[in-house]
C-alpha atoms as a PDB file:
ATOM      1  CA  MET A   1     176.198  91.380  75.025  1.00  0.00           C
ATOM      2  CA  PRO A   2     173.689  92.144  72.259  1.00  0.00           C
ATOM      3  CA  TYR A   3     171.467  95.203  72.419  1.00  0.00           C
ATOM      4  CA  ASN A   4     167.725  94.875  72.816  1.00  0.00           C
ATOM      5  CA  THR A   5     166.455  96.087  69.480  1.00  0.00           C
ATOM      6  CA  THR A   6     162.813  95.121  69.838  1.00  0.00           C
ATOM      7  CA  ALA A   7     160.394  97.938  69.112  1.00  0.00           C
ATOM      8  CA  ILE A   8     158.524  99.599  71.985  1.00  0.00           C
ATOM      9  CA  PRO A   9     154.826  98.917  71.524  1.00  0.00           C
ATOM     10  CA  PRO A  10     152.575 102.007  71.299  1.00  0.00           C
ATOM     11  CA  ARG A  11     150.753 103.088  74.434  1.00  0.00           C
ATOM     12  CA  LYS A  12     147.253 101.763  74.748  1.00  0.00           C
ATOM     13  CA  GLU A  13     144.277 103.433  76.331  1.00  0.00           C
ATOM     14  CA  VAL A  14     143.484 102.158  79.784  1.00  0.00           C
ATOM     15  CA  THR A  15     140.577  99.801  79.531  1.00  0.00           C
ATOM     16  CA  GLY A  16     138.557  98.000  82.115  1.00  0.00           C
ATOM     17  CA  GLN A  17     135.125  97.584  83.511  1.00  0.00           C
ATOM     18  CA  THR A  18     133.564  99.400  86.405  1.00  0.00           C
ATOM     19  CA  GLN A  19     130.802  98.259  88.704  1.00  0.00           C
ATOM     20  CA  LEU A  20     129.190 101.706  88.748  1.00  0.00           C
ATOM     21  CA  PRO A  21     127.627 102.884  85.474  1.00  0.00           C
ATOM     22  CA  LEU A  22     130.089 105.220  83.750  1.00  0.00           C
ATOM     23  CA  SER A  23     127.373 107.201  81.971  1.00  0.00           C
ATOM     24  CA  ARG A  24     125.670 107.993  85.290  1.00  0.00           C
ATOM     25  CA  VAL A  25     128.973 109.216  86.756  1.00  0.00           C
ATOM     26  CA  LYS A  26     129.484 111.441  83.701  1.00  0.00           C
ATOM     27  CA  LYS A  27     126.019 112.935  84.237  1.00  0.00           C
ATOM     28  CA  ILE A  28     126.836 113.656  87.882  1.00  0.00           C
ATOM     29  CA  ILE A  29     130.135 115.290  86.868  1.00  0.00           C
ATOM     30  CA  ALA A  30     128.299 117.400  84.270  1.00  0.00           C
ATOM     31  CA  GLN A  31     126.092 118.841  87.056  1.00  0.00           C
ATOM     32  CA  ASP A  32     129.133 120.666  88.489  1.00  0.00           C
ATOM     33  CA  GLN A  33     129.209 124.134  86.944  1.00  0.00           C
ATOM     34  CA  ASP A  34     132.955 124.548  87.599  1.00  0.00           C
ATOM     35  CA  ILE A  35     133.828 121.660  85.255  1.00  0.00           C
ATOM     36  CA  ASN A  36     133.418 122.442  81.554  1.00  0.00           C
ATOM     37  CA  ILE A  37     134.771 119.250  79.979  1.00  0.00           C
ATOM     38  CA  CYS A  38     135.631 115.891  81.544  1.00  0.00           C
ATOM     39  CA  SER A  39     137.470 113.357  79.411  1.00  0.00           C
ATOM     40  CA  ASN A  40     136.499 109.696  79.327  1.00  0.00           C
ATOM     41  CA  ASN A  41     139.721 108.712  81.090  1.00  0.00           C
ATOM     42  CA  ALA A  42     139.070 111.162  83.937  1.00  0.00           C
ATOM     43  CA  ALA A  43     135.491 109.914  84.341  1.00  0.00           C
ATOM     44  CA  PHE A  44     136.794 106.325  84.376  1.00  0.00           C
ATOM     45  CA  VAL A  45     139.322 107.133  87.121  1.00  0.00           C
ATOM     46  CA  ILE A  46     136.688 108.992  89.159  1.00  0.00           C
ATOM     47  CA  THR A  47     134.394 105.961  88.883  1.00  0.00           C
ATOM     48  CA  LEU A  48     137.163 103.620  90.042  1.00  0.00           C
ATOM     49  CA  ALA A  49     138.012 105.939  92.959  1.00  0.00           C
ATOM     50  CA  THR A  50     134.341 106.013  93.957  1.00  0.00           C
ATOM     51  CA  GLU A  51     134.190 102.216  93.911  1.00  0.00           C
ATOM     52  CA  MET A  52     137.310 102.002  96.074  1.00  0.00           C
ATOM     53  CA  PHE A  53     135.839 104.498  98.544  1.00  0.00           C
ATOM     54  CA  ILE A  54     132.564 102.553  98.782  1.00  0.00           C
ATOM     55  CA  GLN A  55     134.532  99.355  99.332  1.00  0.00           C
ATOM     56  CA  TYR A  56     136.578 100.988 102.103  1.00  0.00           C
ATOM     57  CA  LEU A  57     133.452 102.360 103.804  1.00  0.00           C
ATOM     58  CA  ALA A  58     131.772  98.945 103.596  1.00  0.00           C
ATOM     59  CA  ASN A  59     134.849  97.213 105.083  1.00  0.00           C
ATOM     60  CA  GLU A  60     134.988  99.664 107.992  1.00  0.00           C
ATOM     61  CA  SER A  61     131.257  99.234 108.592  1.00  0.00           C
ATOM     62  CA  TYR A  62     131.631  95.449 108.526  1.00  0.00           C
ATOM     63  CA  ASN A  63     134.424  95.696 111.112  1.00  0.00           C
ATOM     64  CA  MET A  64     132.051  97.681 113.333  1.00  0.00           C
ATOM     65  CA  ALA A  65     129.355  95.025 112.838  1.00  0.00           C
ATOM     66  CA  LYS A  66     131.784  92.334 114.097  1.00  0.00           C
ATOM     67  CA  VAL A  67     132.511  94.277 117.322  1.00  0.00           C
ATOM     68  CA  GLY A  68     130.466  93.145 120.314  1.00  0.00           C
ATOM     69  CA  LYS A  69     127.815  90.675 119.223  1.00  0.00           C
ATOM     70  CA  PRO A  70     128.947  89.711 115.699  1.00  0.00           C
ATOM     71  CA  ARG A  71     126.507  90.135 112.828  1.00  0.00           C
ATOM     72  CA  ARG A  72     126.828  89.332 109.148  1.00  0.00           C
ATOM     73  CA  ASN A  73     124.557  92.157 107.985  1.00  0.00           C
ATOM     74  CA  ILE A  74     125.694  95.776 107.959  1.00  0.00           C
ATOM     75  CA  GLN A  75     123.167  98.181 109.453  1.00  0.00           C
ATOM     76  CA  TYR A  76     122.962 101.969 109.501  1.00  0.00           C
ATOM     77  CA  LYS A  77     124.354 102.117 113.034  1.00  0.00           C
ATOM     78  CA  ASP A  78     127.509 100.338 111.794  1.00  0.00           C
ATOM     79  CA  LEU A  79     128.016 102.977 109.118  1.00  0.00           C
ATOM     80  CA  ALA A  80     127.507 105.753 111.683  1.00  0.00           C
ATOM     81  CA  ALA A  81     129.952 104.073 114.093  1.00  0.00           C
ATOM     82  CA  ALA A  82     132.568 103.732 111.353  1.00  0.00           C
ATOM     83  CA  VAL A  83     132.210 107.412 110.454  1.00  0.00           C
ATOM     84  CA  SER A  84     132.527 108.519 114.084  1.00  0.00           C
ATOM     85  CA  HIS A  85     135.532 106.259 114.840  1.00  0.00           C
ATOM     86  CA  ARG A  86     137.643 106.909 111.719  1.00  0.00           C
ATOM     87  CA  ASP A  87     139.329 110.287 111.303  1.00  0.00           C
ATOM     88  CA  ASN A  88     139.495 110.013 107.515  1.00  0.00           C
ATOM     89  CA  LEU A  89     135.692 109.536 107.380  1.00  0.00           C
ATOM     90  CA  GLU A  90     135.000 112.560 109.584  1.00  0.00           C
ATOM     91  CA  PHE A  91     133.716 114.608 106.631  1.00  0.00           C
ATOM     92  CA  LEU A  92     130.658 112.289 106.481  1.00  0.00           C
ATOM     93  CA  GLU A  93     129.411 113.146 109.996  1.00  0.00           C
ATOM     94  CA  ASP A  94     126.687 115.443 108.623  1.00  0.00           C
ATOM     95  CA  VAL A  95     125.584 112.896 106.019  1.00  0.00           C
ATOM     96  CA  ILE A  96     125.673 109.795 108.266  1.00  0.00           C
ATOM     97  CA  PRO A  97     125.045 111.050 111.820  1.00  0.00           C
ATOM     98  CA  LYS A  98     124.683 108.783 114.827  1.00  0.00           C
ATOM     99  CA  THR A  99     121.085 108.069 115.707  1.00  0.00           C
ATOM    100  CA  ALA A 100     119.467 108.493 119.098  1.00  0.00           C
ATOM    101  CA  PRO A 101     116.240 107.019 120.457  1.00  0.00           C
ATOM    102  CA  TYR A 102     113.161 109.196 119.968  1.00  0.00           C
ATOM    103  CA  LYS A 103     112.393 109.152 123.711  1.00  0.00           C
ATOM    104  CA  GLN A 104     115.826 110.584 124.485  1.00  0.00           C
ATOM    105  CA  ILE A 105     115.452 113.417 121.948  1.00  0.00           C
ATOM    106  CA  LYS A 106     111.932 114.175 123.212  1.00  0.00           C
ATOM    107  CA  ALA A 107     113.196 114.339 126.799  1.00  0.00           C
ATOM    108  CA  GLN A 108     116.046 116.669 125.809  1.00  0.00           C
ATOM    109  CA  ALA A 109     113.645 118.952 123.942  1.00  0.00           C
ATOM    110  CA  ALA A 110     111.305 119.091 126.951  1.00  0.00           C
ATOM    111  CA  ALA A 111     114.195 119.884 129.291  1.00  0.00           C
ATOM    112  CA  THR A 112     115.406 122.654 126.994  1.00  0.00           C
ATOM    113  CA  ARG A 113     111.869 124.085 126.743  1.00  0.00           C
ATOM    114  CA  ASN A 114     111.510 124.074 130.543  1.00  0.00           C
ATOM    115  CA  GLN A 115     114.892 125.719 130.971  1.00  0.00           C
ATOM    116  CA  LEU A 116     114.041 128.465 128.474  1.00  0.00           C
ATOM    117  CA  SER A 117     110.609 129.157 129.941  1.00  0.00           C
ATOM    118  CA  SER A 118     111.544 129.307 133.626  1.00  0.00           C
ATOM    119  CA  GLY A 119     115.203 128.656 134.287  1.00  0.00           C
ATOM    120  CA  THR A 120     117.084 131.765 133.131  1.00  0.00           C
ATOM    121  CA  PRO A 121     117.407 134.401 135.887  1.00  0.00           C
ATOM    122  CA  GLY A 122     116.833 138.062 135.024  1.00  0.00           C
ATOM    123  CA  ILE A 123     114.602 137.393 132.006  1.00  0.00           C
ATOM    124  CA  GLU A 124     110.843 137.195 132.271  1.00  0.00           C
ATOM    125  CA  ARG A 125     109.024 135.682 129.343  1.00  0.00           C
ATOM    126  CA  ALA A 126     105.529 136.890 128.510  1.00  0.00           C
ATOM    127  CA  GLY A 127     104.067 135.762 125.182  1.00  0.00           C
ATOM    128  CA  ASP A 128     106.267 136.847 122.282  1.00  0.00           C
ATOM    129  CA  LYS A 129     107.770 139.781 124.199  1.00  0.00           C
ATOM    130  CA  GLN A 130     110.909 139.347 126.257  1.00  0.00           C
ATOM    131  CA  ARG A 131     111.676 141.844 129.015  1.00  0.00           C
ATOM    132  CA  GLU A 132     114.852 142.129 130.994  1.00  0.00           C
ATOM    133  CA  ALA A 133     114.508 142.605 134.726  1.00  0.00           C
ATOM    134  CA  PRO A 134     115.830 145.943 136.013  1.00  0.00           C
ATOM    135  CA  ALA A 135     119.571 145.868 136.520  1.00  0.00           C
ATOM    136  CA  THR A 136     121.262 148.100 139.057  1.00  0.00           C
ATOM    137  CA  ASN A 137     124.242 150.260 138.265  1.00  0.00           C
ATOM    138  CA  GLY A 138     126.998 151.122 140.732  1.00  0.00           C
ATOM    139  CA  GLY A 139     124.906 153.662 142.678  1.00  0.00           C
ATOM    140  CA  GLY A 140     122.193 151.171 143.483  1.00  0.00           C
ATOM    141  CA  SER A 141     119.527 152.814 141.325  1.00  0.00           C
ATOM    142  CA  ALA A 142     117.790 150.687 138.767  1.00  0.00           C
ATOM    143  CA  LYS A 143     118.308 151.297 135.041  1.00  0.00           C
ATOM    144  CA  LYS A 144     115.219 151.108 132.899  1.00  0.00           C
ATOM    145  CA  HIS A 145     115.473 148.798 129.945  1.00  0.00           C
ATOM    146  CA  ARG A 146     113.273 149.160 126.925  1.00  0.00           C
ATOM    147  CA  PRO A 147     111.440 145.923 126.089  1.00  0.00           C
ATOM    148  CA  SER A 148     112.806 144.487 122.866  1.00  0.00           C
ATOM    149  CA  THR A 149     109.996 144.132 120.387  1.00  0.00           C
ATOM    150  CA  SER A 150     111.113 142.859 117.029  1.00  0.00           C
ATOM    151  CA  ARG A 151     107.880 143.577 115.178  1.00  0.00           C
ATOM    152  CA  SER A 152     106.434 146.797 116.536  1.00  0.00           C
ATOM    153  CA  SER A 153     107.686 150.113 115.157  1.00  0.00           C
ATOM    154  CA  LEU A 154     108.729 152.917 117.443  1.00  0.00           C
ATOM    155  CA  ASN A 155     109.457 156.605 116.741  1.00  0.00           C
ATOM    156  CA  GLY A 156     109.066 156.854 112.994  1.00  0.00           C
ATOM    157  CA  GLY A 157     110.408 153.557 111.738  1.00  0.00           C
ATOM    158  CA  SER A 158     113.173 152.688 114.220  1.00  0.00           C
ATOM    159  CA  PHE A 159     112.638 149.677 116.439  1.00  0.00           C
ATOM    160  CA  VAL A 160     114.556 147.421 118.811  1.00  0.00           C
ATOM    161  CA  GLY A 161     115.505 144.032 117.373  1.00  0.00           C
ATOM    162  CA  ALA A 162     115.554 140.670 119.103  1.00  0.00           C
ATOM    163  CA  SER A 163     119.274 141.037 119.820  1.00  0.00           C
ATOM    164  CA  GLY A 164     118.659 144.321 121.664  1.00  0.00           C
ATOM    165  CA  ALA A 165     120.204 146.474 118.934  1.00  0.00           C
ATOM    166  CA  ARG A 166     118.226 149.494 117.813  1.00  0.00           C
ATOM    167  CA  ILE A 167     117.362 149.334 114.118  1.00  0.00           C
ATOM    168  CA  MET A 168     116.847 152.636 112.380  1.00  0.00           C
ATOM    169  CA  SER A 169     114.935 153.602 109.301  1.00  0.00           C
ATOM    170  CA  ASP A 170     116.474 155.545 106.428  1.00  0.00           C
ATOM    171  CA  ASP A 171     115.270 158.802 108.026  1.00  0.00           C
ATOM    172  CA  ASP A 172     117.185 158.155 111.231  1.00  0.00           C
ATOM    173  CA  GLY A 173     120.745 159.449 111.398  1.00  0.00           C
ATOM    174  CA  ALA A 174     122.100 157.112 114.083  1.00  0.00           C
ATOM    175  CA  GLU A 175     124.237 154.050 113.220  1.00  0.00           C
ATOM    176  CA  MET A 176     122.896 150.501 112.927  1.00  0.00           C
ATOM    177  CA  ASP A 177     124.364 147.246 114.038  1.00  0.00           C
ATOM    178  CA  PRO A 178     126.024 145.799 110.857  1.00  0.00           C
ATOM    179  CA  ALA A 179     124.056 142.535 110.994  1.00  0.00           C
ATOM    180  CA  ASP A 180     120.761 144.364 111.486  1.00  0.00           C
ATOM    181  CA  GLN A 181     121.692 146.780 108.707  1.00  0.00           C
ATOM    182  CA  LEU A 182     122.277 143.838 106.353  1.00  0.00           C
ATOM    183  CA  HIS A 183     118.887 142.311 107.211  1.00  0.00           C
ATOM    184  CA  HIS A 184     117.240 145.718 106.752  1.00  0.00           C
ATOM    185  CA  GLU A 185     118.836 146.171 103.323  1.00  0.00           C
ATOM    186  CA  MET A 186     117.892 142.631 102.276  1.00  0.00           C
ATOM    187  CA  ARG A 187     114.272 143.350 103.196  1.00  0.00           C
ATOM    188  CA  GLN A 188     114.439 146.552 101.162  1.00  0.00           C
ATOM    189  CA  ALA A 189     115.901 144.706  98.179  1.00  0.00           C
ATOM    190  CA  ASN A 190     113.134 142.102  98.291  1.00  0.00           C
ATOM    191  CA  GLN A 191     110.473 144.814  98.438  1.00  0.00           C
ATOM    192  CA  GLU A 192     111.963 147.046  95.729  1.00  0.00           C
ATOM    193  CA  GLY A 193     112.816 144.278  93.262  1.00  0.00           C
ATOM    194  CA  ASP A 194     115.619 145.110  90.835  1.00  0.00           C
ATOM    195  CA  GLU A 195     116.168 148.702  91.907  1.00  0.00           C
ATOM    196  CA  ASP A 196     119.351 149.790  93.691  1.00  0.00           C
ATOM    197  CA  VAL A 197     119.418 149.442  97.488  1.00  0.00           C
ATOM    198  CA  HIS A 198     120.158 152.585  99.477  1.00  0.00           C
ATOM    199  CA  MET A 199     123.152 151.871 101.707  1.00  0.00           C
ATOM    200  CA  SER A 200     122.650 153.545 105.082  1.00  0.00           C
ATOM    201  CA  GLY A 201     125.133 153.946 107.920  1.00  0.00           C
END
């Protein structure tokens, strides 16, 4: 049997046409600061992958449009249904959320407002200040709770935050809650500008 002695042709660059504009995709890729250089072949493959993803999303949305009363047009609710029903499209839930009627959202907001203003036992709400009702310890005597005022200063710069934690100034020697300490230091940094922030605690 004779050997195949024909020469192997040299490799050619992959060519083809894309539906999305390649130059626009290159500009979008250039916006990413982690990517220094992107070759033409890589941009071409990314463009093709994007087209395939859009086609897949459109097919899934069209399948949702055919469920129930069939329609030929894809609407936003079909996209949202496809995203909520497919596990591999779950990452789009923040971008394409399911919609709800305005009346329903308004009713939920009103119910939440009513619950916050009157429904929680042990907390009386008066203006911007929030006071806890006296709680009893084991002996039956009532403990006095300091009202938590987030804006008013007490005792030389220390005050009680909204969470109930006592926030100290730099003069105070007691420890801060780490989250409140971070907020305090961020406020200091914004006030001082480029100077070093004094780390307390």
